[in-house]
Amino acid sequence: MAETISNRKMTEREIVSFFDDAVNYGYIYNVYQPKINHVTGRMIGAEALMRMKHPLYGLQMPSDFIPIFEKNDLVFSADLTVCENVCKFLRKCLDVGVPVVPISVNMSRYDVYNHDYVEQVESIRNEYDIPVEYLHIEITETSAIGGMELMTDVIDKFHELGYKVEMDDFGSGYSSLNILKDLNVDIIKLDMNFLSGDIGGRGGAIISSIVQMTKWLNTPVVAEGVETNEQADYMKSIGCNYIQGYLYAQPMEEEDFVEKLKILDHEPVNKSMDLIFSIESGRFWDPTSVETLLFNHMVGPACIFTYKDGKCEFVKVNEKYLKEIGMNLTAKEMLNMDLMDSLDDDGKKILTGALKSAIDSGNEVSCEVWRRVCSKICGEEKVLIRSSIRMIGRADDMYLLYALVQNITADMRKYQELYESEKKFRIASEQNNTYAWEYEISTHIMRPCFRCMRDLGLPAVIENYPDPVFESGLFPADYKDLYYDWMDQLAKGVKSLEAVIPLTADRIPFIVRYTNEFDENGRPLKAYGSATQLIDDMADK
């Protein structure tokens, strides 16, 4: 470029009259700013930025000349010039074997109003025979406001041709979430001005939420305007590894950028989320989807939660889940909980093991843990929850899991009561030499107690009862008719039976009792039997 004799801000008239020469003679040119993976130090891409230098008045600031281009309907030609410069640059690199990365060019709202911008970009790319993956399109958040339908149509056209579309300056406008919801962009560039002042705080919390949200949208994030290691490390800590800014490189001339391309390793931008299984987790957020209908109404108590770094945070619960857990909890109260905080150390080990197994295997894994649940209405209670867990998505080191649950607290307490009762019964049985069993009348199946199996060598289940015990000699043969008559009486509905019968080969006298159990129609179901050894002095009498 020609030597300048002064540096002066040009007037609007001067800029407009100079425009054609600027385009034709290279005074509108590109500088390039790399995008870097802060974890690996590798280059993932670059942004082409427009610059203008007058041969006499020197370098002009973009903030001075771009608004004039826009006002005078010149920005369309200027942006196409930047695009062509990028394609020329990429073609030179490809021809001489310099490794290249995707380079993004900026598209303004003025490019698509009354212009065939998509067709022109595609024509330029084809002219220089540039693979489509090396040319990205950047739109600004503010450019989409007020022209959403048109911008959506343009993005769809670019996607049909194979281009990646990036949203620049996300967070700088007032409708960020609306824009993100309605525009199907491939990469989001986060405006670091959001983190003005101290790292963290309210701005940091919001940025962290945005990063996590974009991951579930399967959209990588590039932090733009990163100037310090502290900022870069913070973004890495919340899951955003890709950065662009002065920390790594200022916008640089083409010659310097070529040297960067030669010395830095390259890597592609990966999608943040790798969904596995046929189920599409994103559809759980759509209130009209079949998945949501099933989740809310057709399946049992269910929840969706994330797992990362030992923490489990609920993201969705259905009404059946709230009722199953009990304690009059609301969905809002549940969503504010960290599942791990409700568990003791043993429970954490059990749940963590189940989660890791579900993640590693891709299969459904079940576990049972006691949870401490608190509510304003019911206070605090411990509940035993059986969960069947399956992973439905993964975003870097965060996992999205789906669980069907069952509150088995009442069942467990009944079991514990029965266990304690059985334990007491065993102790009492040991003290008074009592044996017990149950007899299913319709199937002739007998199930003996622990003492029967231990002392008498009986199996856990005896079929065709009482034939096997007579054959073994446990019951004396001379009492066979009496005993079979008892079986007939029990089948006919007698309430109870009792007699003294000598049992075992030693013919030790026992008081044998049967008590019948009936169904709601009065038909006999089971008979509960017991045999209590007579003490010696009673036997003598």
Protein backbone atom coordinates (compact mmCIF):
# COMPACT_ATOMS: atom_id res chain seq x y z
CA MET A 1 0.00 0.00 0.00
CA ALA A 2 1.08 3.60 -0.68
CA GLU A 3 2.80 5.62 2.00
CA THR A 4 0.46 7.94 3.86
CA ILE A 5 1.30 11.62 4.28
CA SER A 6 -1.19 12.17 7.10
CA ASN A 7 -3.66 10.37 9.33
CA ARG A 8 -7.01 12.05 9.24
CA LYS A 9 -10.57 10.94 9.72
CA MET A 10 -12.30 11.13 6.36
CA THR A 11 -15.63 12.85 5.89
CA GLU A 12 -18.72 11.01 4.69
CA ARG A 13 -18.44 12.61 1.24
CA GLU A 14 -14.79 11.58 0.95
CA ILE A 15 -15.53 7.99 1.97
CA VAL A 16 -18.40 7.66 -0.51
CA SER A 17 -16.41 9.13 -3.40
CA PHE A 18 -13.41 6.94 -2.51
CA PHE A 19 -15.42 3.71 -2.27
CA ASP A 20 -15.08 2.45 -5.84
CA ASP A 21 -11.31 2.93 -5.83
CA ALA A 22 -11.13 1.28 -2.42
CA VAL A 23 -12.86 -1.82 -3.81
CA ASN A 24 -11.03 -1.92 -7.14
CA TYR A 25 -7.50 -1.19 -5.90
CA GLY A 26 -7.39 -3.12 -2.64
CA TYR A 27 -7.79 -0.27 -0.17
CA ILE A 28 -10.58 -2.29 1.42
CA TYR A 29 -8.71 -5.34 2.68
CA ASN A 30 -8.89 -8.07 5.31
CA VAL A 31 -7.23 -8.70 8.61
CA TYR A 32 -7.66 -12.02 10.41
CA GLN A 33 -8.15 -12.87 14.08
CA PRO A 34 -7.65 -16.53 15.07
CA LYS A 35 -10.09 -18.52 17.22
CA ILE A 36 -8.24 -20.78 19.65
CA ASN A 37 -9.04 -23.77 21.85
CA HIS A 38 -7.75 -22.52 25.22
CA VAL A 39 -7.27 -26.09 26.46
CA THR A 40 -5.15 -27.38 23.56
CA GLY A 41 -3.75 -24.12 22.14
CA ARG A 42 -4.87 -25.23 18.68
CA MET A 43 -6.52 -22.99 16.12
CA ILE A 44 -10.15 -23.82 15.32
CA GLY A 45 -10.82 -21.01 12.86
CA ALA A 46 -10.54 -17.27 12.26
CA GLU A 47 -12.65 -14.23 11.55
CA ALA A 48 -12.03 -11.94 8.58
CA LEU A 49 -12.40 -8.29 9.56
CA MET A 50 -12.80 -5.39 7.15
CA ARG A 51 -10.23 -2.61 7.10
CA MET A 52 -9.88 0.48 4.88
CA LYS A 53 -6.77 2.54 4.27
CA HIS A 54 -6.64 5.68 2.17
CA PRO A 55 -3.33 6.30 0.33
CA LEU A 56 -3.18 9.85 1.75
CA TYR A 57 -5.36 9.91 4.86
CA GLY A 58 -4.22 6.60 6.27
CA LEU A 59 -6.09 3.91 8.17
CA GLN A 60 -9.74 4.63 8.90
CA MET A 61 -11.57 3.15 11.87
CA PRO A 62 -14.29 0.61 11.05
CA SER A 63 -16.63 2.40 13.45
CA ASP A 64 -16.23 5.48 11.23
CA PHE A 65 -16.59 4.08 7.73
CA ILE A 66 -18.93 1.05 8.15
CA PRO A 67 -21.95 3.11 9.29
CA ILE A 68 -21.39 5.32 6.22
CA PHE A 69 -21.28 2.24 3.99
CA GLU A 70 -24.56 1.10 5.52
CA LYS A 71 -26.22 4.49 5.19
CA ASN A 72 -25.25 4.76 1.50
CA ASP A 73 -26.04 1.16 0.54
CA LEU A 74 -22.35 0.38 -0.02
CA VAL A 75 -21.90 -2.31 2.63
CA PHE A 76 -23.23 -5.04 0.35
CA SER A 77 -20.36 -4.53 -2.10
CA ALA A 78 -17.87 -4.08 0.76
CA ASP A 79 -18.92 -7.36 2.41
CA LEU A 80 -18.68 -9.22 -0.88
CA THR A 81 -15.17 -7.76 -1.29
CA VAL A 82 -14.21 -9.21 2.10
CA CYS A 83 -15.69 -12.56 1.06
CA GLU A 84 -13.74 -12.57 -2.19
CA ASN A 85 -10.54 -11.61 -0.36
CA VAL A 86 -11.06 -14.61 1.94
CA CYS A 87 -11.60 -16.97 -1.00
CA LYS A 88 -8.50 -15.63 -2.77
CA PHE A 89 -6.49 -16.11 0.42
CA LEU A 90 -7.76 -19.65 1.00
CA ARG A 91 -7.07 -20.59 -2.63
CA LYS A 92 -3.45 -19.35 -2.37
CA CYS A 93 -2.95 -21.35 0.85
CA LEU A 94 -4.48 -24.50 -0.61
CA ASP A 95 -2.42 -24.21 -3.76
CA VAL A 96 0.90 -24.01 -1.88
CA GLY A 97 -0.02 -26.51 0.86
CA VAL A 98 -0.51 -24.16 3.78
CA PRO A 99 -2.98 -25.83 6.17
CA VAL A 100 -6.16 -23.76 6.50
CA VAL A 101 -8.99 -23.36 9.00
CA PRO A 102 -12.58 -22.17 8.50
CA ILE A 103 -12.72 -18.39 8.11
CA SER A 104 -15.91 -16.51 8.88
CA VAL A 105 -17.13 -13.41 7.05
CA ASN A 106 -19.61 -10.95 8.47
CA MET A 107 -23.08 -10.54 6.97
CA SER A 108 -25.14 -7.48 7.89
CA ARG A 109 -28.86 -6.96 7.61
CA TYR A 110 -28.18 -4.63 4.69
CA ASP A 111 -26.65 -7.52 2.76
CA VAL A 112 -29.95 -9.39 2.58
CA TYR A 113 -32.38 -6.49 2.10
CA ASN A 114 -33.08 -6.28 -1.64
CA HIS A 115 -29.89 -8.18 -2.46
CA ASP A 116 -29.07 -11.71 -3.56
CA TYR A 117 -26.32 -12.09 -0.95
CA VAL A 118 -26.49 -15.89 -0.61
CA GLU A 119 -26.22 -16.41 -4.35
CA GLN A 120 -23.33 -13.94 -4.64
CA VAL A 121 -21.36 -15.61 -1.83
CA GLU A 122 -21.92 -19.03 -3.38
CA SER A 123 -20.81 -17.72 -6.78
CA ILE A 124 -17.57 -16.31 -5.34
CA ARG A 125 -16.84 -19.54 -3.45
CA ASN A 126 -17.38 -21.61 -6.59
CA GLU A 127 -15.21 -19.25 -8.66
CA TYR A 128 -12.23 -19.93 -6.38
CA ASP A 129 -13.21 -23.58 -5.83
CA ILE A 130 -13.15 -23.33 -2.01
CA PRO A 131 -14.58 -26.29 -0.04
CA VAL A 132 -17.70 -25.02 1.73
CA GLU A 133 -16.47 -26.12 5.16
CA TYR A 134 -13.74 -23.43 5.02
CA LEU A 135 -16.13 -20.49 4.66
CA HIS A 136 -18.43 -19.57 7.55
CA ILE A 137 -21.03 -16.82 7.68
CA GLU A 138 -21.34 -14.57 10.75
CA ILE A 139 -24.51 -12.70 11.56
CA THR A 140 -24.84 -10.29 14.45
CA GLU A 141 -27.57 -10.62 17.03
CA THR A 142 -28.72 -7.06 16.43
CA SER A 143 -28.94 -7.63 12.66
CA ALA A 144 -31.58 -10.29 13.22
CA ILE A 145 -33.84 -8.09 15.35
CA GLY A 146 -36.63 -6.70 13.25
CA GLY A 147 -36.00 -9.03 10.33
CA MET A 148 -36.34 -12.47 11.87
CA GLU A 149 -38.32 -14.04 9.04
CA LEU A 150 -35.92 -12.81 6.37
CA MET A 151 -32.87 -13.82 8.42
CA THR A 152 -34.33 -17.27 9.03
CA ASP A 153 -34.83 -17.73 5.30
CA VAL A 154 -31.24 -16.66 4.56
CA ILE A 155 -29.81 -19.04 7.17
CA ASP A 156 -31.85 -21.90 5.75
CA LYS A 157 -30.49 -21.17 2.28
CA PHE A 158 -26.92 -21.16 3.56
CA HIS A 159 -27.54 -24.45 5.36
CA GLU A 160 -28.92 -26.03 2.21
CA LEU A 161 -25.65 -25.14 0.48
CA GLY A 162 -23.59 -26.63 3.32
CA TYR A 163 -22.38 -23.46 5.08
CA LYS A 164 -21.98 -23.07 8.82
CA VAL A 165 -23.62 -19.96 10.27
CA GLU A 166 -22.28 -18.26 13.40
CA MET A 167 -24.12 -15.75 15.60
CA ASP A 168 -21.79 -12.91 16.53
CA ASP A 169 -22.05 -10.65 19.62
CA PHE A 170 -24.53 -12.90 21.41
CA GLY A 171 -25.65 -11.25 24.65
CA SER A 172 -25.13 -7.71 23.41
CA GLY A 173 -28.77 -7.20 22.44
CA TYR A 174 -32.01 -7.23 24.35
CA SER A 175 -33.63 -10.29 22.80
CA SER A 176 -30.84 -12.84 23.06
CA LEU A 177 -32.96 -15.80 24.13
CA ASN A 178 -35.61 -15.08 21.50
CA ILE A 179 -32.94 -14.89 18.81
CA LEU A 180 -31.38 -18.13 20.01
CA LYS A 181 -34.75 -19.85 20.03
CA ASP A 182 -35.77 -18.78 16.53
CA LEU A 183 -32.52 -18.83 14.56
CA ASN A 184 -30.94 -22.18 13.75
CA VAL A 185 -27.30 -21.11 14.01
CA ASP A 186 -24.40 -23.57 14.21
CA ILE A 187 -21.98 -21.65 16.47
CA ILE A 188 -22.55 -18.89 19.02
CA LYS A 189 -19.99 -16.18 19.72
CA LEU A 190 -20.50 -14.84 23.21
CA ASP A 191 -19.88 -11.15 23.81
CA MET A 192 -17.37 -10.92 26.68
CA ASN A 193 -18.55 -7.40 27.50
CA PHE A 194 -21.12 -9.31 29.51
CA LEU A 195 -18.30 -10.05 31.94
CA SER A 196 -17.30 -6.43 32.43
CA GLY A 197 -15.90 -5.86 35.88
CA ASP A 198 -15.10 -8.75 38.21
CA ILE A 199 -15.08 -12.31 36.95
CA GLY A 200 -18.04 -14.24 38.27
CA GLY A 201 -20.87 -12.53 40.14
CA ARG A 202 -24.22 -12.08 38.43
CA GLY A 203 -22.70 -11.73 34.97
CA GLY A 204 -20.66 -14.89 35.46
CA ALA A 205 -23.70 -16.83 36.65
CA ILE A 206 -25.67 -15.74 33.60
CA ILE A 207 -22.82 -16.60 31.21
CA SER A 208 -22.47 -20.02 32.84
CA SER A 209 -26.19 -20.66 32.33
CA ILE A 210 -25.95 -19.54 28.69
CA VAL A 211 -23.02 -21.87 28.05
CA GLN A 212 -24.85 -24.84 29.54
CA MET A 213 -28.04 -23.96 27.67
CA THR A 214 -26.25 -23.79 24.33
CA LYS A 215 -24.71 -27.18 24.98
CA TRP A 216 -28.14 -28.74 25.27
CA LEU A 217 -28.96 -27.01 21.98
CA ASN A 218 -25.96 -28.85 20.52
CA THR A 219 -24.31 -25.50 19.67
CA PRO A 220 -20.62 -24.77 20.36
CA VAL A 221 -19.71 -21.43 21.96
CA VAL A 222 -16.78 -19.13 21.19
CA ALA A 223 -16.02 -16.43 23.75
CA GLU A 224 -15.20 -13.25 21.84
CA GLY A 225 -13.11 -10.39 23.20
CA VAL A 226 -11.03 -12.42 25.67
CA GLU A 227 -8.08 -10.34 26.83
CA THR A 228 -6.76 -12.03 29.97
CA ASN A 229 -5.86 -15.50 31.17
CA GLU A 230 -8.28 -14.99 34.04
CA GLN A 231 -11.16 -14.53 31.60
CA ALA A 232 -10.07 -17.51 29.49
CA ASP A 233 -9.66 -19.76 32.52
CA TYR A 234 -13.07 -18.75 33.82
CA MET A 235 -14.71 -19.57 30.50
CA LYS A 236 -12.92 -22.92 30.46
CA SER A 237 -14.18 -23.65 33.99
CA ILE A 238 -17.79 -23.26 32.87
CA GLY A 239 -17.33 -25.42 29.78
CA CYS A 240 -16.39 -22.89 27.06
CA ASN A 241 -12.95 -23.75 25.67
CA TYR A 242 -13.04 -21.75 22.44
CA ILE A 243 -11.90 -18.13 22.62
CA GLN A 244 -11.09 -15.22 20.32
CA GLY A 245 -9.36 -12.09 21.50
CA TYR A 246 -6.19 -10.21 22.27
CA LEU A 247 -5.04 -12.86 24.77
CA TYR A 248 -3.87 -15.00 21.85
CA ALA A 249 -3.80 -12.63 18.90
CA GLN A 250 -4.90 -9.24 17.69
CA PRO A 251 -6.38 -8.96 14.18
CA MET A 252 -3.38 -9.44 11.90
CA GLU A 253 -2.36 -8.80 8.33
CA GLU A 254 -2.56 -11.64 5.83
CA GLU A 255 1.19 -12.33 5.88
CA ASP A 256 1.26 -12.70 9.66
CA PHE A 257 -1.82 -14.90 9.63
CA VAL A 258 -0.18 -17.27 7.16
CA GLU A 259 2.70 -17.71 9.61
CA LYS A 260 0.18 -18.48 12.39
CA LEU A 261 -1.43 -21.09 10.18
CA LYS A 262 1.96 -22.71 9.61
CA ILE A 263 3.04 -22.91 13.26
CA LEU A 264 -0.21 -23.65 15.12
CA ASP A 265 -1.85 -27.05 15.12
CA HIS A 266 -5.43 -27.06 13.89
CA GLU A 267 -8.54 -28.83 15.10
CA PRO A 268 -12.22 -28.76 14.12
CA VAL A 269 -14.95 -27.22 16.23
CA ASN A 270 -16.86 -30.12 17.71
CA LYS A 271 -20.53 -30.17 18.53
CA SER A 272 -20.89 -29.73 22.27
CA MET A 273 -23.43 -32.49 22.70
CA ASP A 274 -23.21 -36.01 21.42
CA LEU A 275 -26.68 -37.48 21.79
CA ILE A 276 -26.72 -41.22 22.02
CA PHE A 277 -29.73 -43.53 21.73
CA SER A 278 -32.63 -42.99 19.36
CA ILE A 279 -34.48 -40.77 21.83
CA GLU A 280 -33.95 -37.08 21.12
CA SER A 281 -33.49 -35.38 24.49
CA GLY A 282 -34.13 -31.93 23.08
CA ARG A 283 -37.74 -32.89 22.39
CA PHE A 284 -38.33 -33.20 26.12
CA TRP A 285 -38.35 -29.39 26.23
CA ASP A 286 -41.09 -29.10 23.59
CA PRO A 287 -44.46 -29.05 25.42
CA THR A 288 -46.24 -30.32 22.30
CA SER A 289 -43.90 -33.23 21.51
CA VAL A 290 -44.80 -36.87 21.90
CA GLU A 291 -41.89 -37.25 24.33
CA THR A 292 -43.32 -34.57 26.62
CA LEU A 293 -46.79 -36.11 26.42
CA LEU A 294 -45.37 -39.47 27.40
CA PHE A 295 -43.20 -37.94 30.11
CA ASN A 296 -46.06 -36.03 31.72
CA HIS A 297 -48.97 -38.43 31.34
CA MET A 298 -48.18 -41.90 30.00
CA VAL A 299 -45.19 -43.07 32.03
CA GLY A 300 -44.89 -43.41 35.78
CA PRO A 301 -43.08 -41.06 38.17
CA ALA A 302 -40.13 -39.73 36.17
CA CYS A 303 -37.45 -37.04 36.20
CA ILE A 304 -34.65 -35.72 34.02
CA PHE A 305 -31.44 -34.57 35.69
CA THR A 306 -27.85 -33.70 34.89
CA TYR A 307 -24.74 -35.29 36.39
CA LYS A 308 -21.38 -33.53 36.47
CA ASP A 309 -18.48 -33.49 38.93
CA GLY A 310 -20.43 -35.43 41.54
CA LYS A 311 -23.49 -33.16 41.38
CA CYS A 312 -26.99 -34.12 40.23
CA GLU A 313 -29.35 -31.27 39.35
CA PHE A 314 -32.96 -31.78 38.33
CA VAL A 315 -34.04 -30.14 35.08
CA LYS A 316 -37.53 -31.62 34.75
CA VAL A 317 -39.96 -33.63 36.91
CA ASN A 318 -43.51 -34.75 36.18
CA GLU A 319 -46.50 -34.54 38.52
CA LYS A 320 -46.40 -38.26 39.21
CA TYR A 321 -42.82 -37.89 40.41
CA LEU A 322 -43.82 -35.21 42.92
CA LYS A 323 -46.67 -37.38 44.23
CA GLU A 324 -44.44 -40.44 44.45
CA ILE A 325 -41.77 -38.64 46.48
CA GLY A 326 -44.49 -37.16 48.69
CA MET A 327 -43.86 -34.42 51.23
CA ASN A 328 -46.04 -31.94 49.27
CA LEU A 329 -43.07 -30.65 47.29
CA THR A 330 -43.57 -28.36 44.32
CA ALA A 331 -41.70 -28.69 41.03
CA LYS A 332 -39.86 -25.44 41.79
CA GLU A 333 -38.65 -26.77 45.14
CA MET A 334 -37.52 -30.00 43.52
CA LEU A 335 -35.66 -28.25 40.71
CA ASN A 336 -33.66 -26.24 43.27
CA MET A 337 -32.28 -29.41 44.86
CA ASP A 338 -29.00 -31.18 44.30
CA LEU A 339 -29.93 -34.85 44.47
CA MET A 340 -26.59 -35.76 46.04
CA ASP A 341 -27.19 -33.39 48.97
CA SER A 342 -30.15 -35.54 50.06
CA LEU A 343 -28.02 -38.69 50.43
CA ASP A 344 -25.70 -39.96 53.13
CA ASP A 345 -22.24 -41.24 52.21
CA ASP A 346 -23.46 -44.78 51.49
CA GLY A 347 -26.29 -43.45 49.34
CA LYS A 348 -23.89 -41.26 47.37
CA LYS A 349 -21.66 -44.27 46.65
CA ILE A 350 -24.63 -46.37 45.52
CA LEU A 351 -26.08 -43.66 43.26
CA THR A 352 -22.70 -42.66 41.83
CA GLY A 353 -21.96 -46.28 41.01
CA ALA A 354 -25.34 -46.65 39.26
CA LEU A 355 -24.83 -43.43 37.27
CA LYS A 356 -21.38 -44.45 36.10
CA SER A 357 -22.68 -47.87 35.13
CA ALA A 358 -25.54 -46.31 33.14
CA ILE A 359 -23.11 -43.93 31.42
CA ASP A 360 -20.51 -46.60 30.60
CA SER A 361 -22.91 -49.32 29.50
CA GLY A 362 -25.64 -47.30 27.81
CA ASN A 363 -28.13 -49.61 29.51
CA GLU A 364 -30.81 -49.04 32.10
CA VAL A 365 -29.43 -49.41 35.63
CA SER A 366 -31.46 -49.66 38.86
CA CYS A 367 -30.52 -48.73 42.40
CA GLU A 368 -32.17 -48.09 45.76
CA VAL A 369 -31.11 -45.22 48.03
CA TRP A 370 -32.49 -43.57 51.12
CA ARG A 371 -33.09 -39.85 50.52
CA ARG A 372 -33.58 -37.12 53.08
CA VAL A 373 -36.42 -34.96 51.78
CA CYS A 374 -37.43 -31.62 53.33
CA SER A 375 -40.49 -29.51 52.64
CA LYS A 376 -42.00 -26.45 54.26
CA ILE A 377 -45.27 -28.29 54.83
CA CYS A 378 -44.16 -31.73 55.98
CA GLY A 379 -40.77 -31.04 57.52
CA GLU A 380 -38.06 -33.68 57.00
CA GLU A 381 -38.46 -37.36 56.20
CA LYS A 382 -36.30 -40.20 54.92
CA VAL A 383 -37.68 -42.05 51.91
CA LEU A 384 -36.36 -45.08 50.08
CA ILE A 385 -36.39 -44.52 46.32
CA ARG A 386 -35.85 -47.18 43.71
CA SER A 387 -34.66 -45.59 40.44
CA SER A 388 -34.28 -47.06 36.96
CA ILE A 389 -31.78 -44.76 35.23
CA ARG A 390 -30.78 -44.35 31.59
CA MET A 391 -28.46 -41.79 29.99
CA ILE A 392 -30.14 -39.87 27.15
CA GLY A 393 -27.48 -37.28 26.32
CA ARG A 394 -23.95 -36.07 26.91
CA ALA A 395 -22.42 -32.60 26.67
CA ASP A 396 -18.66 -32.75 27.21
CA ASP A 397 -18.33 -33.98 30.81
CA MET A 398 -21.97 -33.33 31.70
CA TYR A 399 -24.52 -36.12 31.32
CA LEU A 400 -28.27 -35.95 30.89
CA LEU A 401 -30.15 -38.82 32.52
CA TYR A 402 -33.73 -40.03 32.66
CA ALA A 403 -35.09 -41.94 35.66
CA LEU A 404 -38.31 -43.76 36.47
CA VAL A 405 -38.72 -43.91 40.25
CA GLN A 406 -40.72 -45.79 42.86
CA ASN A 407 -41.12 -44.85 46.51
CA ILE A 408 -40.69 -48.17 48.31
CA THR A 409 -40.44 -46.73 51.83
CA ALA A 410 -43.67 -48.36 53.03
CA ASP A 411 -42.68 -51.72 51.55
CA MET A 412 -39.28 -51.56 53.19
CA ARG A 413 -40.73 -50.65 56.58
CA LYS A 414 -43.19 -53.55 56.37
CA TYR A 415 -40.31 -55.80 55.46
CA GLN A 416 -38.29 -54.49 58.39
CA GLU A 417 -41.25 -55.03 60.72
CA LEU A 418 -41.68 -58.57 59.41
CA TYR A 419 -37.95 -59.13 59.71
CA GLU A 420 -37.96 -57.93 63.30
CA SER A 421 -41.04 -60.04 64.00
CA GLU A 422 -39.42 -63.05 62.39
CA LYS A 423 -36.27 -62.38 64.35
CA LYS A 424 -38.23 -62.28 67.61
CA PHE A 425 -40.14 -65.37 66.55
CA ARG A 426 -36.90 -67.18 65.87
CA ILE A 427 -35.60 -66.31 69.31
CA ALA A 428 -38.87 -67.45 70.88
CA SER A 429 -38.84 -70.57 68.76
CA GLU A 430 -35.36 -71.42 69.93
CA GLN A 431 -36.42 -71.03 73.54
CA ASN A 432 -39.59 -73.16 73.40
CA ASN A 433 -38.53 -75.61 70.67
CA THR A 434 -41.15 -74.47 68.15
CA TYR A 435 -41.04 -75.15 64.39
CA ALA A 436 -43.30 -73.35 61.92
CA TRP A 437 -44.31 -73.62 58.28
CA GLU A 438 -46.94 -72.55 55.79
CA TYR A 439 -48.97 -74.83 53.55
CA GLU A 440 -50.64 -73.71 50.30
CA ILE A 441 -53.81 -75.75 50.15
CA SER A 442 -54.46 -75.56 46.39
CA THR A 443 -50.89 -76.42 45.30
CA HIS A 444 -49.85 -78.73 48.20
CA ILE A 445 -46.64 -76.73 48.59
CA MET A 446 -45.09 -76.37 52.05
CA ARG A 447 -42.48 -73.76 53.00
CA PRO A 448 -40.63 -74.48 56.26
CA CYS A 449 -39.11 -71.98 58.66
CA PHE A 450 -35.40 -71.40 59.22
CA ARG A 451 -35.25 -73.86 62.16
CA CYS A 452 -36.94 -76.60 60.14
CA MET A 453 -34.31 -76.26 57.44
CA ARG A 454 -31.43 -75.97 59.90
CA ASP A 455 -32.35 -78.71 62.38
CA LEU A 456 -34.35 -81.12 60.24
CA GLY A 457 -32.59 -80.69 56.92
CA LEU A 458 -35.74 -79.70 55.04
CA PRO A 459 -35.46 -77.86 51.71
CA ALA A 460 -36.86 -74.35 51.29
CA VAL A 461 -39.83 -75.66 49.29
CA ILE A 462 -41.53 -79.05 49.63
CA GLU A 463 -43.91 -80.06 46.85
CA ASN A 464 -46.75 -82.60 47.12
CA TYR A 465 -46.79 -82.14 50.88
CA PRO A 466 -46.97 -84.17 53.13
CA ASP A 467 -45.77 -87.24 51.15
CA PRO A 468 -42.03 -86.35 51.29
CA VAL A 469 -41.96 -85.95 55.09
CA PHE A 470 -43.56 -89.36 55.62
CA GLU A 471 -41.16 -90.91 53.15
CA SER A 472 -38.21 -89.36 55.02
CA GLY A 473 -39.39 -90.77 58.36
CA LEU A 474 -39.77 -87.30 59.90
CA PHE A 475 -43.48 -88.06 60.39
CA PRO A 476 -44.19 -91.59 61.75
CA ALA A 477 -46.13 -93.83 59.38
CA ASP A 478 -48.78 -94.78 61.97
CA TYR A 479 -50.00 -91.13 61.98
CA LYS A 480 -50.31 -90.96 58.20
CA ASP A 481 -54.11 -91.46 58.10
CA LEU A 482 -54.62 -88.80 60.78
CA TYR A 483 -52.43 -86.31 58.96
CA TYR A 484 -54.09 -86.84 55.55
CA ASP A 485 -57.48 -86.42 57.20
CA TRP A 486 -56.23 -83.08 58.52
CA MET A 487 -55.25 -82.02 55.00
CA ASP A 488 -58.77 -82.85 53.81
CA GLN A 489 -60.33 -80.89 56.67
CA LEU A 490 -58.15 -77.85 55.94
CA ALA A 491 -59.15 -78.00 52.26
CA LYS A 492 -62.83 -78.10 53.31
CA GLY A 493 -62.40 -75.02 55.48
CA VAL A 494 -61.84 -76.10 59.06
CA LYS A 495 -60.54 -73.10 61.02
CA SER A 496 -57.98 -74.87 63.21
CA LEU A 497 -56.63 -78.27 64.22
CA GLU A 498 -54.48 -79.45 67.13
CA ALA A 499 -53.09 -82.75 68.39
CA VAL A 500 -50.04 -84.29 70.06
CA ILE A 501 -48.00 -86.18 67.50
CA PRO A 502 -44.65 -87.93 68.00
CA LEU A 503 -42.25 -86.61 65.37
CA THR A 504 -38.81 -87.51 64.08
CA ALA A 505 -37.29 -90.97 64.22
CA ASP A 506 -36.98 -90.60 68.01
CA ARG A 507 -40.79 -90.08 68.26
CA ILE A 508 -40.43 -86.91 70.33
CA PRO A 509 -43.92 -85.59 71.24
CA PHE A 510 -44.91 -82.23 69.77
CA ILE A 511 -48.11 -80.23 69.95
CA VAL A 512 -48.97 -79.77 66.25
CA ARG A 513 -51.36 -76.96 65.37
CA TYR A 514 -52.86 -75.64 62.11
CA THR A 515 -54.66 -72.33 61.58
CA ASN A 516 -56.44 -71.70 58.28
CA GLU A 517 -56.40 -68.43 56.30
CA PHE A 518 -59.35 -67.60 54.01
CA ASP A 519 -59.90 -65.30 51.02
CA GLU A 520 -62.63 -62.65 50.77
CA ASN A 521 -65.11 -65.31 49.64
CA GLY A 522 -64.40 -67.60 52.57
CA ARG A 523 -62.35 -70.12 50.62
CA PRO A 524 -59.27 -71.55 52.38
CA LEU A 525 -55.95 -70.23 51.02
CA LYS A 526 -53.13 -71.17 53.35
CA ALA A 527 -52.73 -73.08 56.55
CA TYR A 528 -50.08 -72.03 59.05
CA GLY A 529 -48.62 -74.94 60.96
CA SER A 530 -46.45 -75.16 64.06
CA ALA A 531 -44.94 -77.92 66.17
CA THR A 532 -43.94 -77.15 69.77
CA GLN A 533 -42.01 -79.79 71.69
CA LEU A 534 -43.61 -80.95 74.94
CA ILE A 535 -41.39 -80.53 78.00
CA ASP A 536 -40.38 -83.77 79.73
CA ASP A 537 -42.71 -83.55 82.75
CA MET A 538 -45.74 -82.89 80.51
CA ALA A 539 -44.72 -85.76 78.25
CA ASP A 540 -44.59 -88.07 81.29
CA LYS A 541 -48.14 -87.13 82.22
